[in-house]
C-alpha atoms as a PDB file:
ATOM      1  CA  UNK A   1    -297.752  11.135  29.490  1.00  0.00           C
ATOM      2  CA  UNK A   2    -295.332  12.877  27.136  1.00  0.00           C
ATOM      3  CA  UNK A   3    -293.954  11.454  23.884  1.00  0.00           C
ATOM      4  CA  UNK A   4    -291.333   8.712  24.078  1.00  0.00           C
ATOM      5  CA  UNK A   5    -287.974  10.113  22.938  1.00  0.00           C
ATOM      6  CA  UNK A   6    -285.032   7.954  21.894  1.00  0.00           C
ATOM      7  CA  UNK A   7    -281.693   9.575  22.722  1.00  0.00           C
ATOM      8  CA  UNK A   8    -279.724  10.644  19.639  1.00  0.00           C
ATOM      9  CA  UNK A   9    -276.671   8.697  20.805  1.00  0.00           C
ATOM     10  CA  UNK A  10    -278.749   5.516  20.899  1.00  0.00           C
ATOM     11  CA  UNK A  11    -279.977   6.151  17.352  1.00  0.00           C
ATOM     12  CA  UNK A  12    -276.392   6.521  16.163  1.00  0.00           C
ATOM     13  CA  UNK A  13    -275.389   3.297  17.900  1.00  0.00           C
ATOM     14  CA  UNK A  14    -278.310   1.466  16.280  1.00  0.00           C
ATOM     15  CA  UNK A  15    -277.420   2.905  12.850  1.00  0.00           C
ATOM     16  CA  UNK A  16    -273.810   1.752  13.034  1.00  0.00           C
ATOM     17  CA  UNK A  17    -274.880  -1.641  14.382  1.00  0.00           C
ATOM     18  CA  UNK A  18    -277.218  -2.168  11.404  1.00  0.00           C
ATOM     19  CA  UNK A  19    -274.549  -1.020   8.960  1.00  0.00           C
ATOM     20  CA  UNK A  20    -272.092  -3.481  10.483  1.00  0.00           C
ATOM     21  CA  UNK A  21    -274.588  -6.315  10.068  1.00  0.00           C
ATOM     22  CA  UNK A  22    -275.239  -5.506   6.428  1.00  0.00           C
ATOM     23  CA  UNK A  23    -271.531  -5.136   5.727  1.00  0.00           C
ATOM     24  CA  UNK A  24    -271.196  -8.816   6.667  1.00  0.00           C
ATOM     25  CA  UNK A  25    -274.288  -9.945   4.752  1.00  0.00           C
ATOM     26  CA  UNK A  26    -273.518  -9.006   1.182  1.00  0.00           C
ATOM     27  CA  UNK A  27    -274.303  -5.307   1.473  1.00  0.00           C
ATOM     28  CA  UNK A  28    -274.742  -3.453  -1.809  1.00  0.00           C
ATOM     29  CA  UNK A  29    -272.952  -0.158  -2.411  1.00  0.00           C
ATOM     30  CA  UNK A  30    -273.304   1.704  -5.713  1.00  0.00           C
ATOM     31  CA  UNK A  31    -274.432  -1.478  -7.465  1.00  0.00           C
ATOM     32  CA  UNK A  32    -271.562  -3.589  -6.105  1.00  0.00           C
ATOM     33  CA  UNK A  33    -272.178  -6.413  -3.623  1.00  0.00           C
ATOM     34  CA  UNK A  34    -269.733  -7.819  -1.079  1.00  0.00           C
ATOM     35  CA  UNK A  35    -268.666 -11.440  -1.500  1.00  0.00           C
ATOM     36  CA  UNK A  36    -265.582 -13.673  -1.288  1.00  0.00           C
ATOM     37  CA  UNK A  37    -263.680 -15.735  -3.831  1.00  0.00           C
ATOM     38  CA  UNK A  38    -261.398 -18.750  -3.988  1.00  0.00           C
ATOM     39  CA  UNK A  39    -260.174 -20.758  -6.968  1.00  0.00           C
ATOM     40  CA  UNK A  40    -260.297 -24.328  -8.246  1.00  0.00           C
ATOM     41  CA  UNK A  41    -257.286 -26.604  -7.960  1.00  0.00           C
ATOM     42  CA  UNK A  42    -254.501 -25.424 -10.236  1.00  0.00           C
ATOM     43  CA  UNK A  43    -254.152 -28.916 -11.739  1.00  0.00           C
ATOM     44  CA  UNK A  44    -257.649 -28.802 -13.251  1.00  0.00           C
ATOM     45  CA  UNK A  45    -258.245 -27.698 -16.819  1.00  0.00           C
ATOM     46  CA  UNK A  46    -260.164 -24.393 -16.754  1.00  0.00           C
ATOM     47  CA  UNK A  47    -262.189 -25.613 -19.742  1.00  0.00           C
ATOM     48  CA  UNK A  48    -263.616 -28.664 -17.938  1.00  0.00           C
ATOM     49  CA  UNK A  49    -265.437 -26.724 -15.244  1.00  0.00           C
ATOM     50  CA  UNK A  50    -268.960 -26.955 -16.700  1.00  0.00           C
ATOM     51  CA  UNK A  51    -270.037 -29.095 -13.770  1.00  0.00           C
ATOM     52  CA  UNK A  52    -273.531 -28.599 -12.404  1.00  0.00           C
ATOM     53  CA  UNK A  53    -274.593 -26.411 -15.332  1.00  0.00           C
ATOM     54  CA  UNK A  54    -273.998 -29.223 -17.815  1.00  0.00           C
ATOM     55  CA  UNK A  55    -271.574 -27.508 -20.176  1.00  0.00           C
ATOM     56  CA  UNK A  56    -269.420 -30.234 -21.725  1.00  0.00           C
ATOM     57  CA  UNK A  57    -266.521 -27.826 -22.229  1.00  0.00           C
ATOM     58  CA  UNK A  58    -266.552 -24.121 -21.407  1.00  0.00           C
ATOM     59  CA  UNK A  59    -264.347 -23.276 -24.404  1.00  0.00           C
ATOM     60  CA  UNK A  60    -266.691 -25.175 -26.739  1.00  0.00           C
ATOM     61  CA  UNK A  61    -269.654 -23.462 -25.030  1.00  0.00           C
ATOM     62  CA  UNK A  62    -268.188 -20.067 -25.903  1.00  0.00           C
ATOM     63  CA  UNK A  63    -267.138 -18.936 -22.417  1.00  0.00           C
ATOM     64  CA  UNK A  64    -263.395 -19.535 -22.423  1.00  0.00           C
ATOM     65  CA  UNK A  65    -261.521 -19.838 -19.119  1.00  0.00           C
ATOM     66  CA  UNK A  66    -263.142 -16.962 -17.201  1.00  0.00           C
ATOM     67  CA  UNK A  67    -265.692 -19.040 -15.296  1.00  0.00           C
ATOM     68  CA  UNK A  68    -266.722 -19.722 -11.710  1.00  0.00           C
ATOM     69  CA  UNK A  69    -268.793 -21.982  -9.494  1.00  0.00           C
ATOM     70  CA  UNK A  70    -271.405 -20.087  -7.481  1.00  0.00           C
ATOM     71  CA  UNK A  71    -272.582 -20.665  -3.922  1.00  0.00           C
ATOM     72  CA  UNK A  72    -276.179 -21.782  -3.467  1.00  0.00           C
ATOM     73  CA  UNK A  73    -277.416 -18.279  -2.672  1.00  0.00           C
ATOM     74  CA  UNK A  74    -276.380 -17.224  -6.191  1.00  0.00           C
ATOM     75  CA  UNK A  75    -276.732 -20.504  -8.113  1.00  0.00           C
ATOM     76  CA  UNK A  76    -280.450 -20.952  -7.333  1.00  0.00           C
ATOM     77  CA  UNK A  77    -280.761 -24.557  -8.549  1.00  0.00           C
ATOM     78  CA  UNK A  78    -279.178 -23.761 -11.910  1.00  0.00           C
ATOM     79  CA  UNK A  79    -281.148 -20.640 -12.791  1.00  0.00           C
ATOM     80  CA  UNK A  80    -277.913 -18.601 -12.740  1.00  0.00           C
ATOM     81  CA  UNK A  81    -276.141 -20.852 -15.278  1.00  0.00           C
ATOM     82  CA  UNK A  82    -274.774 -18.707 -18.097  1.00  0.00           C
ATOM     83  CA  UNK A  83    -275.110 -15.429 -16.209  1.00  0.00           C
ATOM     84  CA  UNK A  84    -272.195 -12.983 -16.210  1.00  0.00           C
ATOM     85  CA  UNK A  85    -270.694 -11.193 -13.223  1.00  0.00           C
ATOM     86  CA  UNK A  86    -268.009  -8.550 -13.035  1.00  0.00           C
ATOM     87  CA  UNK A  87    -265.694  -9.072 -10.054  1.00  0.00           C
ATOM     88  CA  UNK A  88    -262.997  -6.943  -8.550  1.00  0.00           C
ATOM     89  CA  UNK A  89    -260.853  -7.777  -5.561  1.00  0.00           C
ATOM     90  CA  UNK A  90    -261.576  -5.541  -2.565  1.00  0.00           C
ATOM     91  CA  UNK A  91    -258.203  -3.827  -2.311  1.00  0.00           C
ATOM     92  CA  UNK A  92    -259.190  -1.737   0.715  1.00  0.00           C
ATOM     93  CA  UNK A  93    -260.070  -4.876   2.653  1.00  0.00           C
ATOM     94  CA  UNK A  94    -257.038  -6.917   1.540  1.00  0.00           C
ATOM     95  CA  UNK A  95    -254.235  -4.839  -0.028  1.00  0.00           C
ATOM     96  CA  UNK A  96    -251.753  -7.696   0.416  1.00  0.00           C
ATOM     97  CA  UNK A  97    -253.370 -10.076  -2.061  1.00  0.00           C
ATOM     98  CA  UNK A  98    -255.751  -7.949  -4.136  1.00  0.00           C
ATOM     99  CA  UNK A  99    -254.632  -6.340  -7.387  1.00  0.00           C
ATOM    100  CA  UNK A 100    -255.571  -2.672  -7.346  1.00  0.00           C
ATOM    101  CA  UNK A 101    -258.153  -1.518  -9.931  1.00  0.00           C
ATOM    102  CA  UNK A 102    -258.216  -4.968 -11.576  1.00  0.00           C
ATOM    103  CA  UNK A 103    -261.492  -6.596 -12.610  1.00  0.00           C
ATOM    104  CA  UNK A 104    -262.649  -9.666 -14.530  1.00  0.00           C
ATOM    105  CA  UNK A 105    -265.975 -10.753 -16.021  1.00  0.00           C
ATOM    106  CA  UNK A 106    -266.850 -14.396 -15.411  1.00  0.00           C
ATOM    107  CA  UNK A 107    -269.622 -16.737 -16.539  1.00  0.00           C
ATOM    108  CA  UNK A 108    -271.452 -18.917 -14.007  1.00  0.00           C
ATOM    109  CA  UNK A 109    -270.856 -22.527 -15.083  1.00  0.00           C
ATOM    110  CA  UNK A 110    -270.859 -24.598 -11.897  1.00  0.00           C
ATOM    111  CA  UNK A 111    -272.170 -24.976  -8.342  1.00  0.00           C
ATOM    112  CA  UNK A 112    -270.074 -24.602  -5.202  1.00  0.00           C
ATOM    113  CA  UNK A 113    -271.704 -26.891  -2.607  1.00  0.00           C
ATOM    114  CA  UNK A 114    -272.121 -26.146   1.082  1.00  0.00           C
ATOM    115  CA  UNK A 115    -269.154 -26.936   3.350  1.00  0.00           C
ATOM    116  CA  UNK A 116    -266.810 -26.534   0.371  1.00  0.00           C
ATOM    117  CA  UNK A 117    -263.788 -24.248   0.835  1.00  0.00           C
ATOM    118  CA  UNK A 118    -264.226 -24.083   4.586  1.00  0.00           C
ATOM    119  CA  UNK A 119    -267.935 -23.370   4.501  1.00  0.00           C
ATOM    120  CA  UNK A 120    -267.734 -20.196   2.419  1.00  0.00           C
ATOM    121  CA  UNK A 121    -270.315 -21.615   0.005  1.00  0.00           C
ATOM    122  CA  UNK A 122    -272.855 -22.220   2.781  1.00  0.00           C
ATOM    123  CA  UNK A 123    -276.082 -20.155   2.736  1.00  0.00           C
ATOM    124  CA  UNK A 124    -276.476 -17.212   2.851  1.00  0.00           C
ATOM    125  CA  UNK A 125    -272.909 -16.479   1.695  1.00  0.00           C
ATOM    126  CA  UNK A 126    -272.282 -15.019  -1.748  1.00  0.00           C
ATOM    127  CA  UNK A 127    -269.174 -16.820  -2.970  1.00  0.00           C
ATOM    128  CA  UNK A 128    -267.323 -17.425  -6.254  1.00  0.00           C
ATOM    129  CA  UNK A 129    -265.016 -20.431  -6.684  1.00  0.00           C
ATOM    130  CA  UNK A 130    -263.160 -19.234  -9.764  1.00  0.00           C
ATOM    131  CA  UNK A 131    -260.990 -20.850 -12.400  1.00  0.00           C
ATOM    132  CA  UNK A 132    -257.296 -20.100 -11.731  1.00  0.00           C
ATOM    133  CA  UNK A 133    -256.910 -17.867 -14.839  1.00  0.00           C
ATOM    134  CA  UNK A 134    -259.885 -15.741 -13.782  1.00  0.00           C
ATOM    135  CA  UNK A 135    -258.795 -15.549 -10.139  1.00  0.00           C
ATOM    136  CA  UNK A 136    -255.293 -14.395 -11.079  1.00  0.00           C
ATOM    137  CA  UNK A 137    -256.765 -11.508 -13.049  1.00  0.00           C
ATOM    138  CA  UNK A 138    -257.763  -9.856  -9.754  1.00  0.00           C
ATOM    139  CA  UNK A 139    -255.518 -11.404  -7.049  1.00  0.00           C
ATOM    140  CA  UNK A 140    -251.791 -11.983  -6.646  1.00  0.00           C
ATOM    141  CA  UNK A 141    -250.216 -15.355  -7.315  1.00  0.00           C
ATOM    142  CA  UNK A 142    -249.196 -17.182  -4.160  1.00  0.00           C
ATOM    143  CA  UNK A 143    -252.319 -16.700  -2.081  1.00  0.00           C
ATOM    144  CA  UNK A 144    -253.780 -20.139  -1.439  1.00  0.00           C
ATOM    145  CA  UNK A 145    -256.662 -18.810   0.627  1.00  0.00           C
ATOM    146  CA  UNK A 146    -259.614 -16.529   0.112  1.00  0.00           C
ATOM    147  CA  UNK A 147    -259.997 -12.902  -0.928  1.00  0.00           C
ATOM    148  CA  UNK A 148    -262.815 -10.383  -0.432  1.00  0.00           C
ATOM    149  CA  UNK A 149    -264.426  -9.272  -3.685  1.00  0.00           C
ATOM    150  CA  UNK A 150    -267.081  -6.901  -4.956  1.00  0.00           C
ATOM    151  CA  UNK A 151    -269.383  -8.085  -7.738  1.00  0.00           C
ATOM    152  CA  UNK A 152    -272.269  -6.986  -9.934  1.00  0.00           C
ATOM    153  CA  UNK A 153    -274.363  -8.535 -12.690  1.00  0.00           C
ATOM    154  CA  UNK A 154    -273.398  -7.403 -16.194  1.00  0.00           C
ATOM    155  CA  UNK A 155    -274.667  -8.284 -19.692  1.00  0.00           C
ATOM    156  CA  UNK A 156    -272.944 -11.208 -21.384  1.00  0.00           C
ATOM    157  CA  UNK A 157    -271.126 -10.397 -24.619  1.00  0.00           C
ATOM    158  CA  UNK A 158    -270.804 -13.437 -26.881  1.00  0.00           C
ATOM    159  CA  UNK A 159    -269.214 -14.053 -30.270  1.00  0.00           C
ATOM    160  CA  UNK A 160    -271.532 -15.580 -32.851  1.00  0.00           C
ATOM    161  CA  UNK A 161    -275.024 -16.849 -32.219  1.00  0.00           C
ATOM    162  CA  UNK A 162    -276.715 -18.979 -29.574  1.00  0.00           C
ATOM    163  CA  UNK A 163    -275.746 -22.672 -29.836  1.00  0.00           C
ATOM    164  CA  UNK A 164    -277.911 -25.770 -29.512  1.00  0.00           C
ATOM    165  CA  UNK A 165    -276.406 -29.192 -28.776  1.00  0.00           C
ATOM    166  CA  UNK A 166    -278.799 -32.105 -29.349  1.00  0.00           C
ATOM    167  CA  UNK A 167    -278.736 -34.953 -26.838  1.00  0.00           C
ATOM    168  CA  UNK A 168    -281.085 -37.779 -25.862  1.00  0.00           C
ATOM    169  CA  UNK A 169    -282.601 -40.587 -27.915  1.00  0.00           C
ATOM    170  CA  UNK A 170    -285.786 -41.358 -29.910  1.00  0.00           C
ATOM    171  CA  UNK A 171    -288.647 -39.381 -28.317  1.00  0.00           C
ATOM    172  CA  UNK A 172    -286.511 -37.968 -25.506  1.00  0.00           C
ATOM    173  CA  UNK A 173    -284.927 -34.722 -26.648  1.00  0.00           C
ATOM    174  CA  UNK A 174    -282.448 -32.917 -24.436  1.00  0.00           C
ATOM    175  CA  UNK A 175    -280.899 -29.724 -25.745  1.00  0.00           C
ATOM    176  CA  UNK A 176    -277.900 -27.973 -24.210  1.00  0.00           C
ATOM    177  CA  UNK A 177    -278.247 -24.234 -24.829  1.00  0.00           C
ATOM    178  CA  UNK A 178    -274.988 -22.289 -24.728  1.00  0.00           C
ATOM    179  CA  UNK A 179    -273.238 -19.090 -25.840  1.00  0.00           C
ATOM    180  CA  UNK A 180    -276.212 -17.005 -24.738  1.00  0.00           C
ATOM    181  CA  UNK A 181    -275.697 -13.241 -24.645  1.00  0.00           C
ATOM    182  CA  UNK A 182    -277.702 -10.576 -22.841  1.00  0.00           C
ATOM    183  CA  UNK A 183    -278.618 -11.641 -19.320  1.00  0.00           C
ATOM    184  CA  UNK A 184    -277.107 -15.030 -20.256  1.00  0.00           C
ATOM    185  CA  UNK A 185    -279.479 -17.291 -18.351  1.00  0.00           C
ATOM    186  CA  UNK A 186    -282.546 -18.908 -19.900  1.00  0.00           C
ATOM    187  CA  UNK A 187    -285.853 -18.789 -18.037  1.00  0.00           C
ATOM    188  CA  UNK A 188    -288.066 -20.661 -20.543  1.00  0.00           C
ATOM    189  CA  UNK A 189    -287.550 -22.615 -23.789  1.00  0.00           C
ATOM    190  CA  UNK A 190    -289.728 -24.002 -26.573  1.00  0.00           C
ATOM    191  CA  UNK A 191    -289.037 -26.339 -29.500  1.00  0.00           C
ATOM    192  CA  UNK A 192    -290.858 -26.743 -32.802  1.00  0.00           C
ATOM    193  CA  UNK A 193    -290.466 -29.357 -35.503  1.00  0.00           C
ATOM    194  CA  UNK A 194    -290.986 -28.557 -39.180  1.00  0.00           C
ATOM    195  CA  UNK A 195    -294.067 -30.787 -39.169  1.00  0.00           C
ATOM    196  CA  UNK A 196    -295.468 -29.970 -35.724  1.00  0.00           C
ATOM    197  CA  UNK A 197    -296.226 -26.283 -36.496  1.00  0.00           C
ATOM    198  CA  UNK A 198    -296.758 -25.401 -32.824  1.00  0.00           C
ATOM    199  CA  UNK A 199    -294.320 -24.368 -30.134  1.00  0.00           C
ATOM    200  CA  UNK A 200    -293.858 -27.140 -27.553  1.00  0.00           C
ATOM    201  CA  UNK A 201    -292.679 -26.058 -24.089  1.00  0.00           C
ATOM    202  CA  UNK A 202    -289.465 -27.595 -22.795  1.00  0.00           C
ATOM    203  CA  UNK A 203    -288.612 -28.264 -19.152  1.00  0.00           C
ATOM    204  CA  UNK A 204    -285.268 -27.656 -17.495  1.00  0.00           C
ATOM    205  CA  UNK A 205    -283.693 -31.073 -16.951  1.00  0.00           C
ATOM    206  CA  UNK A 206    -280.620 -29.718 -15.153  1.00  0.00           C
ATOM    207  CA  UNK A 207    -278.455 -26.657 -15.592  1.00  0.00           C
ATOM    208  CA  UNK A 208    -278.626 -25.524 -19.213  1.00  0.00           C
ATOM    209  CA  UNK A 209    -280.101 -28.799 -20.488  1.00  0.00           C
ATOM    210  CA  UNK A 210    -283.743 -28.548 -21.535  1.00  0.00           C
ATOM    211  CA  UNK A 211    -285.951 -31.508 -22.446  1.00  0.00           C
ATOM    212  CA  UNK A 212    -289.089 -32.455 -24.348  1.00  0.00           C
ATOM    213  CA  UNK A 213    -290.734 -35.847 -24.802  1.00  0.00           C
ATOM    214  CA  UNK A 214    -291.848 -35.934 -28.415  1.00  0.00           C
ATOM    215  CA  UNK A 215    -290.232 -37.646 -31.387  1.00  0.00           C
ATOM    216  CA  UNK A 216    -288.856 -34.901 -33.629  1.00  0.00           C
ATOM    217  CA  UNK A 217    -286.401 -36.996 -35.611  1.00  0.00           C
ATOM    218  CA  UNK A 218    -286.195 -36.272 -39.352  1.00  0.00           C
ATOM    219  CA  UNK A 219    -287.668 -32.821 -38.811  1.00  0.00           C
ATOM    220  CA  UNK A 220    -286.031 -29.430 -39.018  1.00  0.00           C
ATOM    221  CA  UNK A 221    -285.980 -27.773 -35.596  1.00  0.00           C
ATOM    222  CA  UNK A 222    -286.672 -24.253 -34.380  1.00  0.00           C
ATOM    223  CA  UNK A 223    -286.330 -22.870 -30.861  1.00  0.00           C
ATOM    224  CA  UNK A 224    -287.749 -19.999 -28.857  1.00  0.00           C
ATOM    225  CA  UNK A 225    -286.010 -18.722 -25.726  1.00  0.00           C
ATOM    226  CA  UNK A 226    -286.975 -16.289 -22.994  1.00  0.00           C
ATOM    227  CA  UNK A 227    -284.213 -15.021 -20.721  1.00  0.00           C
ATOM    228  CA  UNK A 228    -284.497 -14.101 -17.059  1.00  0.00           C
ATOM    229  CA  UNK A 229    -284.701 -10.414 -18.023  1.00  0.00           C
ATOM    230  CA  UNK A 230    -287.785 -11.136 -20.168  1.00  0.00           C
ATOM    231  CA  UNK A 231    -286.206 -10.820 -23.613  1.00  0.00           C
ATOM    232  CA  UNK A 232    -287.452 -13.402 -26.137  1.00  0.00           C
ATOM    233  CA  UNK A 233    -285.986 -14.518 -29.465  1.00  0.00           C
ATOM    234  CA  UNK A 234    -287.024 -17.125 -32.034  1.00  0.00           C
ATOM    235  CA  UNK A 235    -284.375 -19.230 -33.768  1.00  0.00           C
ATOM    236  CA  UNK A 236    -286.152 -20.503 -36.853  1.00  0.00           C
ATOM    237  CA  UNK A 237    -284.927 -23.528 -38.820  1.00  0.00           C
ATOM    238  CA  UNK A 238    -281.576 -23.494 -37.011  1.00  0.00           C
ATOM    239  CA  UNK A 239    -281.337 -27.321 -37.170  1.00  0.00           C
ATOM    240  CA  UNK A 240    -281.776 -29.185 -40.512  1.00  0.00           C
ATOM    241  CA  UNK A 241    -283.883 -32.337 -40.779  1.00  0.00           C
ATOM    242  CA  UNK A 242    -280.707 -34.426 -41.201  1.00  0.00           C
ATOM    243  CA  UNK A 243    -279.541 -33.761 -37.630  1.00  0.00           C
ATOM    244  CA  UNK A 244    -278.176 -36.481 -35.364  1.00  0.00           C
ATOM    245  CA  UNK A 245    -277.938 -36.705 -31.582  1.00  0.00           C
ATOM    246  CA  UNK A 246    -274.633 -35.289 -30.386  1.00  0.00           C
ATOM    247  CA  UNK A 247    -274.413 -32.521 -32.986  1.00  0.00           C
ATOM    248  CA  UNK A 248    -274.167 -28.810 -32.193  1.00  0.00           C
ATOM    249  CA  UNK A 249    -275.770 -26.127 -34.336  1.00  0.00           C
ATOM    250  CA  UNK A 250    -274.982 -22.433 -34.090  1.00  0.00           C
ATOM    251  CA  UNK A 251    -277.666 -19.898 -34.905  1.00  0.00           C
ATOM    252  CA  UNK A 252    -277.128 -16.506 -36.495  1.00  0.00           C
ATOM    253  CA  UNK A 253    -279.135 -14.686 -33.793  1.00  0.00           C
ATOM    254  CA  UNK A 254    -277.968 -13.435 -30.417  1.00  0.00           C
ATOM    255  CA  UNK A 255    -279.261 -11.598 -27.338  1.00  0.00           C
ATOM    256  CA  UNK A 256    -277.766  -8.211 -26.554  1.00  0.00           C
END
């Protein structure tokens, strides 16, 4: 029996069929990935969209108004909180509503649940539900629907140092970590009191809120963070021993 030969025409048909499939499933071209975008209600303050990441106010957190809620495929149970994405509207796919050559960099601050915005946030869709100011940087005013976008991960550029907001009570410490540069999203965190002398691992409570269960009141506090990209920094003595729950302390160190 001779070798089995697939006709060239059939190979071409298979190739274009596969390409069509990947075009609809977030295909990546030159580092850019296909997705779609909508925007929050225009009557909402763009600074109150901290949502599922736990940011009390995105302006206070250092992110401004250029923020977005991510679909589950991107949000990954809060691991993406603080990450930065560059988006541009896909002008070739939608020249009516997309602004040509326009782009915006957003910070992930919220979660877009399944069945929201007509199901665009359902798995495995890559979707950004943007603040109105960010959306209007790449799309024309007047479109109340959805636009195709291209996106890619980019480093976060922040002003000043990483910030630590102290929450909780007595032996329950919860720290909101914000204004993080570099990859932007924290993978692991540790805390150390001025009298404990050892780094104590913290667990992610939700979003960007990390917790520990040891009484560190009346001690100066230091932190150690590892980002998703593996970079690690220590923030020594960033919180004085006179701290109170509810206060925010800015460090002098930053990821780049």
